[in-house]
Amino acid sequence: MVYDRNAAVEYANKWAYGRNPQFYDFSDLGGDCTNFASQCLYAGSKVMNYTPVYGWYYISLQNRAPSWTGVNELYRFLVNNTGAGPRAVLTGLDEIEKGDIIQLRLTSADKFDHSPVVTDAGDGTPETIIVAAHSIDSKCRPLSSYRYRELRPLHIVGVNG
């Protein structure tokens, strides 16, 4: 199946400064960025993966996959997914497209901790790539405005039905 990049970006722009009431707001539970990224991915894919533990789905606060809200869990799901839902490859910024995710390591910790959604790929440089995100709600934010230690660009290559 084809990933609808326009639908993902439309969703990101619509909800960047708000919360869709169909999903719990995780702002007080460690941050809402990956929940927001997952919502955008779902808007573009229309398919969830209901595999217990290792899938990617949201039914409620108590019934969701770790990959729906966890930065590193989302990465593992997207790059290893052979079941239903979106799949991604790790790529360079020059191959990023709108609707992709660029995960950031903001702290000195050994893990990534933020998942902005690309709304405009620009010319593939941090100064021209524009993202939307939750946790620190952002819309039309240049990637270069983040003080990150490392980035992990995830290019969505398709959707398994």
Foldseek 3Di string as FASTA:
>chain_A
DAFQLVQLLVLLQVDLPHDDVQADACLVVQWCFLLSLLVSQCSRAVKWFQDPQLTADDDYPVRGHCLNRDPVSVVCCQPVPPAFGWHWDWDALQPAAASWWKWFAQDPDPDTRHIWGFNGSARSDQQGTATAGTSPRDGRHRNVVGRGPDMTTIHTPRGHD
